[in-house]
Amino acid sequence: MSEVIAGISIPDSKMAKEATELVRTMAPDLIFQHSRRVFLFGTLQGRRLDLQPDPELLYVSAMFHDLGLVDGYRRTDQRFELDGADAAARFLRSYGLPDSDVQKAWNSIALHTTPEIPYRMEPEVALVTAGVEADVLGFGLEHLTHDDLTSVIAAHPRSGFKKAILEAFRDGFKDRPNSTFGTVNADVLEYFFKGYSRMNFVEVIKGSSWPE
């Protein structure tokens, strides 16, 4: 029998169980609990928005979305979102999912820190972002019932989450600062490291090799 939280059945297929175990084993508890909440909040927001994702695909995408912060998955030459997206794509291909589903999962993770655009895409893409925005930024919580919020937090507590997730972001970006150019992630480095100077879009244009 599948686990039910806030009226939502947690996918319990072989693929979903393996995704759960992979993240539980490889990632710190902070990331595991957060990723489960992203699935749950994304699903709840999907009901409100009348979006109907594939629950299993949404679940795997949510579970993998922050693996780019985790040793063994994080690289130093690209954005952390791409690390998680690439890992999810490899995982889903190993189960023989069609390219269209793999692409949805990849997009949902690669774009989860990019405001607005995911909501114009497939439900899985939109709802990973909706789940992240609810859990990290508190966006849309006013649309969720007290009982649903209580159930999610009882199953996956948020104790010390704000401080811990900021530190996880810091540690995930600090050795690849240029990968944060043009993203919200640059705010994290600016907050933690005095003297950090983010790349400036205007200066990049002015300093390009074009004479005019």
N, C-alpha and C. Protein backbone atom coordinates (compact mmCIF):
# COMPACT_ATOMS: atom_id res chain seq x y z
N MET A 1 0.85 -1.19 0.00
CA MET A 1 0.00 0.00 0.00
C MET A 1 0.88 1.25 0.00
N SER A 2 0.58 2.20 -0.88
CA SER A 2 1.42 3.38 -0.99
C SER A 2 1.17 4.32 0.20
N GLU A 3 2.19 5.09 0.53
CA GLU A 3 2.10 6.10 1.58
C GLU A 3 1.24 7.26 1.10
N VAL A 4 0.39 7.78 1.98
CA VAL A 4 -0.49 8.89 1.64
C VAL A 4 -0.21 10.05 2.59
N ILE A 5 0.07 11.22 2.03
CA ILE A 5 0.33 12.43 2.81
C ILE A 5 -0.52 13.55 2.23
N ALA A 6 -1.30 14.21 3.07
CA ALA A 6 -2.18 15.30 2.62
C ALA A 6 -3.08 14.84 1.47
N GLY A 7 -3.50 13.60 1.53
CA GLY A 7 -4.37 13.05 0.50
C GLY A 7 -3.67 12.69 -0.79
N ILE A 8 -2.34 12.75 -0.79
CA ILE A 8 -1.56 12.45 -1.99
C ILE A 8 -0.86 11.12 -1.82
N SER A 9 -1.03 10.24 -2.78
CA SER A 9 -0.34 8.95 -2.75
C SER A 9 1.07 9.13 -3.30
N ILE A 10 2.05 8.73 -2.50
CA ILE A 10 3.43 8.77 -2.95
C ILE A 10 3.64 7.63 -3.95
N PRO A 11 4.11 7.91 -5.15
CA PRO A 11 4.34 6.84 -6.13
C PRO A 11 5.22 5.74 -5.54
N ASP A 12 4.83 4.49 -5.79
CA ASP A 12 5.58 3.37 -5.19
C ASP A 12 5.97 2.33 -6.22
N SER A 13 6.10 2.76 -7.48
CA SER A 13 6.61 1.85 -8.51
C SER A 13 8.07 1.53 -8.21
N LYS A 14 8.62 0.56 -8.89
CA LYS A 14 10.03 0.23 -8.73
C LYS A 14 10.90 1.45 -9.01
N MET A 15 10.57 2.18 -10.07
CA MET A 15 11.36 3.35 -10.42
C MET A 15 11.29 4.42 -9.33
N ALA A 16 10.08 4.68 -8.83
CA ALA A 16 9.92 5.69 -7.79
C ALA A 16 10.63 5.27 -6.51
N LYS A 17 10.53 4.00 -6.16
CA LYS A 17 11.21 3.52 -4.95
C LYS A 17 12.72 3.65 -5.09
N GLU A 18 13.24 3.37 -6.28
CA GLU A 18 14.69 3.50 -6.47
C GLU A 18 15.11 4.96 -6.39
N ALA A 19 14.30 5.86 -6.94
CA ALA A 19 14.60 7.29 -6.83
C ALA A 19 14.61 7.73 -5.38
N THR A 20 13.64 7.25 -4.62
CA THR A 20 13.57 7.57 -3.19
C THR A 20 14.82 7.10 -2.47
N GLU A 21 15.20 5.87 -2.71
CA GLU A 21 16.35 5.30 -2.02
C GLU A 21 17.65 5.97 -2.44
N LEU A 22 17.75 6.32 -3.71
CA LEU A 22 18.96 6.99 -4.20
C LEU A 22 19.15 8.33 -3.47
N VAL A 23 18.09 9.13 -3.42
CA VAL A 23 18.21 10.44 -2.78
C VAL A 23 18.37 10.30 -1.28
N ARG A 24 17.67 9.36 -0.67
CA ARG A 24 17.81 9.15 0.77
C ARG A 24 19.23 8.74 1.13
N THR A 25 19.87 7.97 0.25
CA THR A 25 21.21 7.45 0.52
C THR A 25 22.30 8.45 0.16
N MET A 26 22.16 9.12 -0.98
CA MET A 26 23.23 9.94 -1.50
C MET A 26 23.19 11.39 -1.01
N ALA A 27 22.01 11.89 -0.69
CA ALA A 27 21.87 13.30 -0.32
C ALA A 27 21.69 13.45 1.18
N PRO A 28 22.05 14.60 1.72
CA PRO A 28 21.77 14.85 3.14
C PRO A 28 20.26 14.88 3.39
N ASP A 29 19.89 14.67 4.64
CA ASP A 29 18.46 14.63 4.98
C ASP A 29 17.76 15.93 4.60
N LEU A 30 18.47 17.05 4.69
CA LEU A 30 17.90 18.33 4.28
C LEU A 30 17.33 18.26 2.88
N ILE A 31 18.10 17.72 1.94
CA ILE A 31 17.69 17.65 0.54
C ILE A 31 16.59 16.62 0.35
N PHE A 32 16.69 15.49 1.05
CA PHE A 32 15.65 14.47 0.93
C PHE A 32 14.29 15.01 1.38
N GLN A 33 14.25 15.61 2.56
CA GLN A 33 12.98 16.12 3.09
C GLN A 33 12.44 17.23 2.20
N HIS A 34 13.31 18.11 1.77
CA HIS A 34 12.90 19.21 0.88
C HIS A 34 12.34 18.67 -0.43
N SER A 35 12.99 17.69 -1.01
CA SER A 35 12.55 17.15 -2.30
C SER A 35 11.19 16.48 -2.20
N ARG A 36 10.96 15.80 -1.10
CA ARG A 36 9.62 15.20 -0.90
C ARG A 36 8.56 16.30 -0.75
N ARG A 37 8.90 17.35 -0.02
CA ARG A 37 7.93 18.44 0.12
C ARG A 37 7.67 19.11 -1.22
N VAL A 38 8.69 19.23 -2.06
CA VAL A 38 8.49 19.82 -3.39
C VAL A 38 7.47 19.01 -4.17
N PHE A 39 7.57 17.69 -4.13
CA PHE A 39 6.57 16.87 -4.81
C PHE A 39 5.17 17.11 -4.23
N LEU A 40 5.07 17.12 -2.92
CA LEU A 40 3.77 17.27 -2.28
C LEU A 40 3.16 18.65 -2.52
N PHE A 41 3.96 19.69 -2.33
CA PHE A 41 3.44 21.04 -2.57
C PHE A 41 3.14 21.25 -4.05
N GLY A 42 3.98 20.70 -4.93
CA GLY A 42 3.71 20.82 -6.35
C GLY A 42 2.41 20.15 -6.74
N THR A 43 2.17 18.98 -6.16
CA THR A 43 0.91 18.27 -6.45
C THR A 43 -0.29 19.04 -5.93
N LEU A 44 -0.17 19.59 -4.73
CA LEU A 44 -1.27 20.38 -4.17
C LEU A 44 -1.54 21.62 -5.02
N GLN A 45 -0.49 22.29 -5.45
CA GLN A 45 -0.68 23.45 -6.30
C GLN A 45 -1.26 23.06 -7.66
N GLY A 46 -0.89 21.87 -8.14
CA GLY A 46 -1.44 21.38 -9.40
C GLY A 46 -2.95 21.19 -9.33
N ARG A 47 -3.42 20.72 -8.19
CA ARG A 47 -4.87 20.55 -8.03
C ARG A 47 -5.57 21.91 -8.10
N ARG A 48 -4.97 22.91 -7.49
CA ARG A 48 -5.55 24.25 -7.50
C ARG A 48 -5.54 24.85 -8.89
N LEU A 49 -4.47 24.58 -9.64
CA LEU A 49 -4.31 25.15 -10.98
C LEU A 49 -4.93 24.28 -12.07
N ASP A 50 -5.54 23.18 -11.66
CA ASP A 50 -6.16 22.24 -12.60
C ASP A 50 -5.14 21.69 -13.60
N LEU A 51 -3.96 21.36 -13.10
CA LEU A 51 -2.92 20.72 -13.90
C LEU A 51 -2.84 19.26 -13.52
N GLN A 52 -2.66 18.42 -14.50
CA GLN A 52 -2.69 16.98 -14.26
C GLN A 52 -1.39 16.33 -14.74
N PRO A 53 -0.39 16.34 -13.88
CA PRO A 53 0.90 15.75 -14.27
C PRO A 53 0.88 14.24 -14.17
N ASP A 54 1.87 13.62 -14.75
CA ASP A 54 2.14 12.21 -14.49
C ASP A 54 2.78 12.16 -13.10
N PRO A 55 2.11 11.56 -12.11
CA PRO A 55 2.62 11.62 -10.74
C PRO A 55 4.01 11.03 -10.57
N GLU A 56 4.28 9.95 -11.29
CA GLU A 56 5.58 9.30 -11.16
C GLU A 56 6.68 10.19 -11.74
N LEU A 57 6.42 10.81 -12.88
CA LEU A 57 7.41 11.67 -13.52
C LEU A 57 7.64 12.92 -12.66
N LEU A 58 6.58 13.46 -12.11
CA LEU A 58 6.72 14.62 -11.22
C LEU A 58 7.52 14.23 -9.98
N TYR A 59 7.26 13.05 -9.46
CA TYR A 59 7.96 12.60 -8.25
C TYR A 59 9.46 12.46 -8.50
N VAL A 60 9.83 11.77 -9.56
CA VAL A 60 11.26 11.59 -9.84
C VAL A 60 11.92 12.94 -10.09
N SER A 61 11.24 13.82 -10.81
CA SER A 61 11.81 15.15 -11.08
C SER A 61 12.03 15.91 -9.78
N ALA A 62 11.04 15.87 -8.90
CA ALA A 62 11.18 16.56 -7.62
C ALA A 62 12.31 15.97 -6.79
N MET A 63 12.44 14.66 -6.79
CA MET A 63 13.48 14.02 -5.99
C MET A 63 14.87 14.34 -6.49
N PHE A 64 15.02 14.53 -7.79
CA PHE A 64 16.34 14.80 -8.38
C PHE A 64 16.68 16.28 -8.48
N HIS A 65 15.74 17.16 -8.19
CA HIS A 65 15.91 18.56 -8.61
C HIS A 65 17.09 19.26 -7.94
N ASP A 66 17.51 18.83 -6.75
CA ASP A 66 18.64 19.48 -6.07
C ASP A 66 19.87 18.58 -5.96
N LEU A 67 19.93 17.53 -6.75
CA LEU A 67 21.12 16.67 -6.67
C LEU A 67 22.39 17.38 -7.11
N GLY A 68 22.24 18.48 -7.83
CA GLY A 68 23.41 19.26 -8.23
C GLY A 68 24.11 19.93 -7.06
N LEU A 69 23.53 19.85 -5.88
CA LEU A 69 24.17 20.36 -4.66
C LEU A 69 24.90 19.26 -3.90
N VAL A 70 24.83 18.03 -4.41
CA VAL A 70 25.29 16.86 -3.67
C VAL A 70 26.59 16.31 -4.26
N ASP A 71 27.56 16.05 -3.40
CA ASP A 71 28.81 15.43 -3.86
C ASP A 71 28.51 14.12 -4.58
N GLY A 72 29.21 13.91 -5.66
CA GLY A 72 28.95 12.74 -6.50
C GLY A 72 28.10 13.09 -7.71
N TYR A 73 27.40 14.21 -7.62
CA TYR A 73 26.57 14.69 -8.74
C TYR A 73 26.96 16.10 -9.15
N ARG A 74 27.44 16.88 -8.21
CA ARG A 74 27.76 18.28 -8.51
C ARG A 74 29.05 18.38 -9.30
N ARG A 75 29.01 19.23 -10.33
CA ARG A 75 30.19 19.52 -11.13
C ARG A 75 30.62 20.95 -10.83
N THR A 76 31.68 21.40 -11.47
CA THR A 76 32.14 22.76 -11.24
C THR A 76 32.14 23.58 -12.53
N ASP A 77 31.62 23.01 -13.60
CA ASP A 77 31.69 23.68 -14.90
C ASP A 77 30.33 24.03 -15.48
N GLN A 78 29.27 23.89 -14.69
CA GLN A 78 27.95 24.24 -15.21
C GLN A 78 27.02 24.55 -14.03
N ARG A 79 25.86 25.11 -14.34
CA ARG A 79 24.87 25.43 -13.32
C ARG A 79 24.44 24.18 -12.57
N PHE A 80 24.16 24.32 -11.28
CA PHE A 80 23.78 23.15 -10.48
C PHE A 80 22.48 22.54 -10.97
N GLU A 81 21.59 23.36 -11.53
CA GLU A 81 20.33 22.81 -12.04
C GLU A 81 20.57 21.79 -13.14
N LEU A 82 21.62 22.02 -13.95
CA LEU A 82 21.93 21.10 -15.03
C LEU A 82 22.47 19.77 -14.49
N ASP A 83 23.19 19.82 -13.38
CA ASP A 83 23.68 18.58 -12.78
C ASP A 83 22.53 17.66 -12.43
N GLY A 84 21.52 18.20 -11.75
CA GLY A 84 20.37 17.40 -11.37
C GLY A 84 19.56 16.94 -12.57
N ALA A 85 19.41 17.84 -13.54
CA ALA A 85 18.65 17.49 -14.75
C ALA A 85 19.33 16.37 -15.52
N ASP A 86 20.64 16.45 -15.65
CA ASP A 86 21.38 15.40 -16.36
C ASP A 86 21.28 14.06 -15.62
N ALA A 87 21.37 14.11 -14.28
CA ALA A 87 21.27 12.87 -13.49
C ALA A 87 19.89 12.24 -13.65
N ALA A 88 18.85 13.08 -13.63
CA ALA A 88 17.49 12.56 -13.80
C ALA A 88 17.31 11.94 -15.18
N ALA A 89 17.86 12.58 -16.20
CA ALA A 89 17.74 12.05 -17.56
C ALA A 89 18.40 10.68 -17.66
N ARG A 90 19.60 10.54 -17.09
CA ARG A 90 20.27 9.23 -17.12
C ARG A 90 19.43 8.17 -16.40
N PHE A 91 18.89 8.55 -15.25
CA PHE A 91 18.09 7.62 -14.46
C PHE A 91 16.84 7.18 -15.23
N LEU A 92 16.14 8.11 -15.81
CA LEU A 92 14.90 7.78 -16.52
C LEU A 92 15.17 6.97 -17.78
N ARG A 93 16.26 7.28 -18.47
CA ARG A 93 16.60 6.48 -19.65
C ARG A 93 16.91 5.04 -19.27
N SER A 94 17.49 4.84 -18.10
CA SER A 94 17.81 3.48 -17.66
C SER A 94 16.55 2.65 -17.46
N TYR A 95 15.41 3.31 -17.30
CA TYR A 95 14.12 2.63 -17.17
C TYR A 95 13.37 2.59 -18.50
N GLY A 96 14.00 3.08 -19.55
CA GLY A 96 13.40 3.00 -20.87
C GLY A 96 12.27 3.97 -21.13
N LEU A 97 12.22 5.07 -20.38
CA LEU A 97 11.17 6.05 -20.63
C LEU A 97 11.37 6.72 -21.98
N PRO A 98 10.29 7.11 -22.63
CA PRO A 98 10.41 7.78 -23.94
C PRO A 98 11.11 9.12 -23.81
N ASP A 99 11.74 9.54 -24.90
CA ASP A 99 12.49 10.79 -24.89
C ASP A 99 11.63 11.97 -24.46
N SER A 100 10.35 11.94 -24.81
CA SER A 100 9.48 13.08 -24.46
C SER A 100 9.35 13.21 -22.94
N ASP A 101 9.26 12.10 -22.24
CA ASP A 101 9.17 12.15 -20.77
C ASP A 101 10.51 12.54 -20.15
N VAL A 102 11.58 12.02 -20.72
CA VAL A 102 12.91 12.40 -20.23
C VAL A 102 13.11 13.91 -20.38
N GLN A 103 12.67 14.45 -21.51
CA GLN A 103 12.83 15.89 -21.74
C GLN A 103 12.00 16.70 -20.77
N LYS A 104 10.79 16.25 -20.46
CA LYS A 104 9.97 16.96 -19.48
C LYS A 104 10.68 17.03 -18.13
N ALA A 105 11.21 15.90 -17.70
CA ALA A 105 11.90 15.86 -16.40
C ALA A 105 13.13 16.76 -16.44
N TRP A 106 13.88 16.69 -17.53
CA TRP A 106 15.08 17.53 -17.65
C TRP A 106 14.70 19.00 -17.58
N ASN A 107 13.69 19.39 -18.32
CA ASN A 107 13.25 20.77 -18.32
C ASN A 107 12.78 21.21 -16.93
N SER A 108 12.06 20.34 -16.26
CA SER A 108 11.50 20.70 -14.95
C SER A 108 12.60 21.02 -13.95
N ILE A 109 13.71 20.31 -14.04
CA ILE A 109 14.82 20.53 -13.11
C ILE A 109 15.70 21.68 -13.58
N ALA A 110 16.01 21.71 -14.85
CA ALA A 110 16.89 22.75 -15.39
C ALA A 110 16.29 24.14 -15.21
N LEU A 111 14.96 24.25 -15.21
CA LEU A 111 14.29 25.55 -15.17
C LEU A 111 13.69 25.88 -13.81
N HIS A 112 13.96 25.08 -12.79
CA HIS A 112 13.21 25.26 -11.54
C HIS A 112 13.57 26.52 -10.76
N THR A 113 14.66 27.20 -11.15
CA THR A 113 14.98 28.49 -10.53
C THR A 113 14.76 29.65 -11.50
N THR A 114 14.08 29.38 -12.59
CA THR A 114 13.82 30.40 -13.60
C THR A 114 12.37 30.84 -13.50
N PRO A 115 12.11 32.04 -13.00
CA PRO A 115 10.72 32.46 -12.77
C PRO A 115 9.88 32.51 -14.05
N GLU A 116 8.61 32.19 -13.88
CA GLU A 116 7.55 32.36 -14.87
C GLU A 116 7.54 31.36 -16.02
N ILE A 117 8.68 31.13 -16.65
CA ILE A 117 8.70 30.30 -17.85
C ILE A 117 8.12 28.91 -17.62
N PRO A 118 8.46 28.20 -16.53
CA PRO A 118 7.92 26.85 -16.35
C PRO A 118 6.40 26.77 -16.36
N TYR A 119 5.72 27.84 -15.94
CA TYR A 119 4.26 27.80 -15.89
C TYR A 119 3.62 27.81 -17.27
N ARG A 120 4.41 28.09 -18.31
CA ARG A 120 3.91 28.04 -19.69
C ARG A 120 4.22 26.70 -20.35
N MET A 121 4.77 25.76 -19.58
CA MET A 121 5.20 24.49 -20.14
C MET A 121 4.35 23.34 -19.58
N GLU A 122 4.80 22.12 -19.76
CA GLU A 122 4.02 20.95 -19.35
C GLU A 122 3.79 20.95 -17.83
N PRO A 123 2.74 20.25 -17.36
CA PRO A 123 2.42 20.25 -15.93
C PRO A 123 3.59 19.84 -15.04
N GLU A 124 4.36 18.86 -15.46
CA GLU A 124 5.48 18.41 -14.63
C GLU A 124 6.50 19.53 -14.45
N VAL A 125 6.74 20.28 -15.52
CA VAL A 125 7.70 21.38 -15.47
C VAL A 125 7.17 22.49 -14.55
N ALA A 126 5.90 22.84 -14.75
CA ALA A 126 5.29 23.88 -13.93
C ALA A 126 5.28 23.53 -12.46
N LEU A 127 5.01 22.27 -12.15
CA LEU A 127 4.74 21.92 -10.75
C LEU A 127 6.00 21.62 -9.95
N VAL A 128 7.10 21.28 -10.60
CA VAL A 128 8.36 21.25 -9.84
C VAL A 128 8.68 22.66 -9.38
N THR A 129 8.54 23.63 -10.27
CA THR A 129 8.77 25.02 -9.88
C THR A 129 7.78 25.47 -8.81
N ALA A 130 6.52 25.11 -8.95
CA ALA A 130 5.52 25.49 -7.95
C ALA A 130 5.86 24.91 -6.58
N GLY A 131 6.32 23.66 -6.57
CA GLY A 131 6.71 23.04 -5.30
C GLY A 131 7.92 23.70 -4.68
N VAL A 132 8.91 24.02 -5.51
CA VAL A 132 10.11 24.70 -5.02
C VAL A 132 9.75 26.09 -4.49
N GLU A 133 8.96 26.82 -5.24
CA GLU A 133 8.59 28.17 -4.81
C GLU A 133 7.81 28.15 -3.50
N ALA A 134 6.96 27.14 -3.33
CA ALA A 134 6.21 27.04 -2.07
C ALA A 134 7.15 26.74 -0.90
N ASP A 135 8.04 25.77 -1.08
CA ASP A 135 8.86 25.32 0.05
C ASP A 135 9.99 26.28 0.37
N VAL A 136 10.63 26.86 -0.64
CA VAL A 136 11.79 27.72 -0.40
C VAL A 136 11.38 29.17 -0.19
N LEU A 137 10.43 29.66 -0.98
CA LEU A 137 10.08 31.08 -0.97
C LEU A 137 8.75 31.38 -0.29
N GLY A 138 7.97 30.35 -0.03
CA GLY A 138 6.66 30.57 0.59
C GLY A 138 5.61 31.06 -0.38
N PHE A 139 5.89 30.98 -1.68
CA PHE A 139 4.92 31.45 -2.67
C PHE A 139 3.73 30.49 -2.73
N GLY A 140 2.53 31.03 -2.72
CA GLY A 140 1.33 30.23 -2.92
C GLY A 140 0.84 29.49 -1.69
N LEU A 141 1.51 29.65 -0.54
CA LEU A 141 1.06 28.93 0.66
C LEU A 141 -0.34 29.35 1.07
N GLU A 142 -0.70 30.58 0.77
CA GLU A 142 -2.02 31.07 1.16
C GLU A 142 -3.15 30.31 0.46
N HIS A 143 -2.82 29.60 -0.60
CA HIS A 143 -3.83 28.83 -1.33
C HIS A 143 -3.98 27.40 -0.80
N LEU A 144 -3.12 27.00 0.11
CA LEU A 144 -3.17 25.64 0.65
C LEU A 144 -3.89 25.63 1.99
N THR A 145 -4.57 24.54 2.27
CA THR A 145 -5.32 24.47 3.53
C THR A 145 -4.39 24.22 4.71
N HIS A 146 -4.85 24.63 5.87
CA HIS A 146 -4.07 24.40 7.09
C HIS A 146 -3.83 22.91 7.29
N ASP A 147 -4.83 22.09 7.04
CA ASP A 147 -4.68 20.64 7.24
C ASP A 147 -3.63 20.06 6.30
N ASP A 148 -3.64 20.50 5.04
CA ASP A 148 -2.65 19.99 4.09
C ASP A 148 -1.23 20.41 4.48
N LEU A 149 -1.07 21.67 4.85
CA LEU A 149 0.25 22.14 5.28
C LEU A 149 0.73 21.38 6.50
N THR A 150 -0.15 21.17 7.44
CA THR A 150 0.21 20.45 8.66
C THR A 150 0.63 19.02 8.36
N SER A 151 -0.10 18.38 7.46
CA SER A 151 0.22 16.99 7.10
C SER A 151 1.58 16.88 6.42
N VAL A 152 1.86 17.80 5.51
CA VAL A 152 3.14 17.76 4.80
C VAL A 152 4.30 17.99 5.77
N ILE A 153 4.18 18.99 6.62
CA ILE A 153 5.27 19.31 7.54
C ILE A 153 5.43 18.25 8.62
N ALA A 154 4.35 17.60 9.01
CA ALA A 154 4.46 16.51 9.98
C ALA A 154 5.25 15.34 9.39
N ALA A 155 5.02 15.07 8.11
CA ALA A 155 5.72 13.96 7.45
C ALA A 155 7.16 14.32 7.12
N HIS A 156 7.38 15.60 6.76
CA HIS A 156 8.71 16.04 6.32
C HIS A 156 9.02 17.40 6.94
N PRO A 157 9.53 17.39 8.17
CA PRO A 157 9.71 18.62 8.95
C PRO A 157 10.68 19.60 8.31
N ARG A 158 10.48 20.89 8.66
CA ARG A 158 11.28 21.98 8.12
C ARG A 158 12.21 22.58 9.17
N SER A 159 12.50 21.92 10.23
CA SER A 159 13.29 22.48 11.33
C SER A 159 14.61 23.08 10.81
N GLY A 160 14.79 24.39 11.04
CA GLY A 160 16.02 25.07 10.63
C GLY A 160 16.21 25.15 9.13
N PHE A 161 15.15 25.00 8.35
CA PHE A 161 15.30 24.85 6.90
C PHE A 161 15.86 26.10 6.23
N LYS A 162 15.38 27.27 6.60
CA LYS A 162 15.82 28.49 5.90
C LYS A 162 17.34 28.63 5.95
N LYS A 163 17.90 28.52 7.14
CA LYS A 163 19.35 28.66 7.30
C LYS A 163 20.09 27.53 6.58
N ALA A 164 19.58 26.31 6.73
CA ALA A 164 20.28 25.15 6.18
C ALA A 164 20.27 25.14 4.66
N ILE A 165 19.17 25.53 4.04
CA ILE A 165 19.13 25.48 2.58
C ILE A 165 20.01 26.58 1.99
N LEU A 166 20.08 27.74 2.64
CA LEU A 166 20.98 28.78 2.17
C LEU A 166 22.43 28.32 2.25
N GLU A 167 22.78 27.62 3.31
CA GLU A 167 24.15 27.10 3.44
C GLU A 167 24.42 26.03 2.39
N ALA A 168 23.42 25.22 2.09
CA ALA A 168 23.59 24.19 1.06
C ALA A 168 23.80 24.84 -0.31
N PHE A 169 23.05 25.91 -0.59
CA PHE A 169 23.26 26.64 -1.83
C PHE A 169 24.67 27.22 -1.87
N ARG A 170 25.07 27.85 -0.78
CA ARG A 170 26.42 28.44 -0.72
C ARG A 170 27.48 27.40 -1.05
N ASP A 171 27.40 26.25 -0.41
CA ASP A 171 28.41 25.22 -0.62
C ASP A 171 28.33 24.63 -2.02
N GLY A 172 27.13 24.67 -2.62
CA GLY A 172 26.98 24.14 -3.96
C GLY A 172 27.50 25.04 -5.06
N PHE A 173 27.60 26.35 -4.77
CA PHE A 173 28.00 27.31 -5.80
C PHE A 173 29.39 27.88 -5.61
N LYS A 174 29.94 27.79 -4.42
CA LYS A 174 31.12 28.61 -4.09
C LYS A 174 32.33 28.31 -4.97
N ASP A 175 32.43 27.08 -5.49
CA ASP A 175 33.57 26.78 -6.34
C ASP A 175 33.23 26.84 -7.82
N ARG A 176 32.08 27.41 -8.16
CA ARG A 176 31.71 27.65 -9.56
C ARG A 176 30.90 28.96 -9.65
N PRO A 177 31.48 30.04 -9.13
CA PRO A 177 30.71 31.29 -9.04
C PRO A 177 30.20 31.80 -10.38
N ASN A 178 30.96 31.60 -11.45
CA ASN A 178 30.51 32.12 -12.74
C ASN A 178 29.27 31.41 -13.26
N SER A 179 28.99 30.22 -12.73
CA SER A 179 27.79 29.50 -13.16
C SER A 179 26.51 30.16 -12.65
N THR A 180 26.64 31.10 -11.71
CA THR A 180 25.46 31.78 -11.17
C THR A 180 25.10 33.03 -11.96
N PHE A 181 25.90 33.36 -12.98
CA PHE A 181 25.63 34.56 -13.78
C PHE A 181 24.23 34.51 -14.37
N GLY A 182 23.48 35.58 -14.16
CA GLY A 182 22.14 35.67 -14.73
C GLY A 182 21.09 34.86 -14.00
N THR A 183 21.40 34.37 -12.81
CA THR A 183 20.44 33.56 -12.05
C THR A 183 20.29 34.12 -10.64
N VAL A 184 19.26 33.66 -9.95
CA VAL A 184 19.05 34.06 -8.55
C VAL A 184 20.15 33.54 -7.65
N ASN A 185 20.90 32.56 -8.11
CA ASN A 185 21.93 31.95 -7.27
C ASN A 185 23.06 32.91 -6.92
N ALA A 186 23.28 33.92 -7.76
CA ALA A 186 24.31 34.90 -7.46
C ALA A 186 24.01 35.63 -6.16
N ASP A 187 22.72 35.77 -5.82
CA ASP A 187 22.35 36.43 -4.56
C ASP A 187 22.92 35.70 -3.36
N VAL A 188 23.00 34.37 -3.44
CA VAL A 188 23.51 33.58 -2.33
C VAL A 188 24.98 33.89 -2.08
N LEU A 189 25.77 33.91 -3.14
CA LEU A 189 27.19 34.18 -2.99
C LEU A 189 27.43 35.60 -2.50
N GLU A 190 26.64 36.54 -2.98
CA GLU A 190 26.78 37.93 -2.55
C GLU A 190 26.44 38.07 -1.06
N TYR A 191 25.50 37.28 -0.59
CA TYR A 191 25.10 37.32 0.82
C TYR A 191 26.18 36.75 1.74
N PHE A 192 26.81 35.65 1.32
CA PHE A 192 27.73 34.94 2.20
C PHE A 192 29.17 35.44 2.12
N PHE A 193 29.60 35.95 0.98
CA PHE A 193 31.02 36.26 0.80
C PHE A 193 31.24 37.75 0.57
N LYS A 194 31.81 38.40 1.58
CA LYS A 194 32.12 39.81 1.46
C LYS A 194 33.14 40.01 0.34
N GLY A 195 32.89 41.01 -0.46
CA GLY A 195 33.80 41.30 -1.56
C GLY A 195 33.49 40.52 -2.83
N TYR A 196 32.53 39.59 -2.75
CA TYR A 196 32.15 38.87 -3.96
C TYR A 196 31.55 39.85 -4.97
N SER A 197 32.02 39.79 -6.18
CA SER A 197 31.52 40.67 -7.24
C SER A 197 30.92 39.81 -8.34
N ARG A 198 29.63 39.91 -8.48
CA ARG A 198 28.95 39.11 -9.51
C ARG A 198 29.27 39.65 -10.90
N MET A 199 29.21 38.77 -11.88
CA MET A 199 29.34 39.22 -13.27
C MET A 199 28.19 40.15 -13.58
N ASN A 200 28.49 41.20 -14.33
CA ASN A 200 27.50 42.22 -14.63
C ASN A 200 27.17 42.20 -16.12
N PHE A 201 25.89 42.03 -16.41
CA PHE A 201 25.44 41.90 -17.79
C PHE A 201 25.83 43.11 -18.63
N VAL A 202 25.68 44.30 -18.04
CA VAL A 202 26.01 45.52 -18.76
C VAL A 202 27.50 45.55 -19.09
N GLU A 203 28.33 45.19 -18.10
CA GLU A 203 29.77 45.22 -18.32
C GLU A 203 30.21 44.16 -19.34
N VAL A 204 29.53 43.03 -19.36
CA VAL A 204 29.85 42.00 -20.35
C VAL A 204 29.60 42.54 -21.75
N ILE A 205 28.48 43.23 -21.93
CA ILE A 205 28.18 43.82 -23.24
C ILE A 205 29.22 44.88 -23.61
N LYS A 206 29.48 45.78 -22.65
CA LYS A 206 30.43 46.87 -22.93
C LYS A 206 31.84 46.35 -23.20
N GLY A 207 32.20 45.24 -22.54
CA GLY A 207 33.55 44.72 -22.68
C GLY A 207 33.71 43.64 -23.72
N SER A 208 32.68 43.41 -24.52
CA SER A 208 32.77 42.37 -25.54
C SER A 208 33.78 42.74 -26.61
N SER A 209 34.13 41.80 -27.47
CA SER A 209 35.15 42.02 -28.50
C SER A 209 34.64 42.86 -29.68
N TRP A 210 33.34 43.16 -29.70
CA TRP A 210 32.81 44.02 -30.76
C TRP A 210 33.31 45.45 -30.57
N PRO A 211 33.75 46.12 -31.65
CA PRO A 211 34.24 47.50 -31.51
C PRO A 211 33.11 48.46 -31.17
N GLU A 212 31.92 48.17 -31.65
CA GLU A 212 30.75 49.04 -31.38
C GLU A 212 29.52 48.19 -31.16
